[in-house]
């Protein structure tokens, strides 16, 4: 994954993702953006969070705010 600083950004950069399971992809994207813009806050928004790899989403539950961390080279989401 790569990113380039081709445009002006504000104080906060929000990455939008469709689905977050463990958060590894979102965390990788945030890390690349933070490397290019180290003085900016980077946040992630995802429309859906899952508890595991599921073929179909059959229920949307309440919105949450949480933290994704890198643990043993893998994303770990809470909640």
Protein backbone atom coordinates (compact mmCIF):
# COMPACT_ATOMS: atom_id res chain seq x y z
CA UNK A 1 0.00 0.00 0.00
CA UNK A 2 1.34 3.42 -0.88
CA UNK A 3 0.22 7.03 -0.64
CA UNK A 4 1.46 10.32 -2.06
CA UNK A 5 1.15 13.89 -0.81
CA UNK A 6 -0.47 15.37 -3.91
CA UNK A 7 -2.94 17.74 -2.27
CA UNK A 8 -3.50 20.10 0.64
CA UNK A 9 -5.21 18.64 3.71
CA UNK A 10 -6.81 20.07 6.82
CA UNK A 11 -5.86 19.38 10.42
CA UNK A 12 -7.76 16.05 10.43
CA UNK A 13 -7.76 13.34 7.75
CA UNK A 14 -10.61 10.81 7.79
CA UNK A 15 -10.24 7.50 5.97
CA UNK A 16 -13.59 5.99 4.92
CA UNK A 17 -13.86 2.19 4.70
CA UNK A 18 -16.87 0.06 3.83
CA UNK A 19 -16.36 -2.87 6.25
CA UNK A 20 -13.95 -3.35 9.16
CA UNK A 21 -13.38 -6.81 10.59
CA UNK A 22 -9.99 -6.82 12.30
CA UNK A 23 -8.98 -3.41 11.00
CA UNK A 24 -5.68 -4.42 9.40
CA UNK A 25 -6.36 -2.72 6.06
CA UNK A 26 -7.70 0.45 7.66
CA UNK A 27 -4.71 0.55 10.02
CA UNK A 28 -2.30 0.13 7.10
CA UNK A 29 -3.96 3.00 5.23
CA UNK A 30 -3.84 5.22 8.32
CA UNK A 31 -0.16 4.39 8.84
CA UNK A 32 0.76 5.39 5.28
CA UNK A 33 -1.19 8.65 5.55
CA UNK A 34 0.45 9.41 8.93
CA UNK A 35 3.90 8.91 7.36
CA UNK A 36 3.15 11.54 4.73
CA UNK A 37 1.31 13.95 7.06
CA UNK A 38 2.92 13.37 10.49
CA UNK A 39 1.49 16.58 11.98
CA UNK A 40 -2.15 15.71 11.13
CA UNK A 41 -4.70 13.68 13.06
CA UNK A 42 -5.76 10.56 11.14
CA UNK A 43 -9.12 8.89 11.89
CA UNK A 44 -11.01 6.00 10.31
CA UNK A 45 -14.75 5.75 9.63
CA UNK A 46 -16.33 2.44 8.58
CA UNK A 47 -19.93 1.89 7.60
CA UNK A 48 -20.05 -1.69 8.92
CA UNK A 49 -18.05 -3.63 11.50
CA UNK A 50 -18.19 -7.40 11.63
CA UNK A 51 -17.22 -9.99 14.20
CA UNK A 52 -15.66 -12.25 11.59
CA UNK A 53 -15.64 -13.05 7.91
CA UNK A 54 -19.31 -13.43 7.00
CA UNK A 55 -20.79 -13.93 3.51
CA UNK A 56 -23.80 -11.64 4.08
CA UNK A 57 -24.57 -8.82 6.48
CA UNK A 58 -28.01 -9.59 7.92
CA UNK A 59 -28.16 -7.12 10.80
CA UNK A 60 -26.84 -3.63 11.44
CA UNK A 61 -26.14 -2.94 15.10
CA UNK A 62 -25.66 0.32 16.93
CA UNK A 63 -22.78 2.65 16.04
CA UNK A 64 -19.66 2.48 18.19
CA UNK A 65 -16.42 4.32 18.62
CA UNK A 66 -13.31 2.26 19.20
CA UNK A 67 -9.61 1.81 18.67
CA UNK A 68 -7.70 -0.34 16.18
CA UNK A 69 -4.20 -1.36 17.24
CA UNK A 70 -1.44 -3.37 15.62
CA UNK A 71 -0.73 -6.50 17.69
CA UNK A 72 1.68 -9.16 16.40
CA UNK A 73 1.50 -7.79 12.82
CA UNK A 74 -2.29 -7.98 12.77
CA UNK A 75 -5.07 -5.49 13.40
CA UNK A 76 -6.97 -5.79 16.67
CA UNK A 77 -10.22 -3.86 17.03
CA UNK A 78 -11.91 -2.86 20.30
CA UNK A 79 -14.89 -3.00 20.09
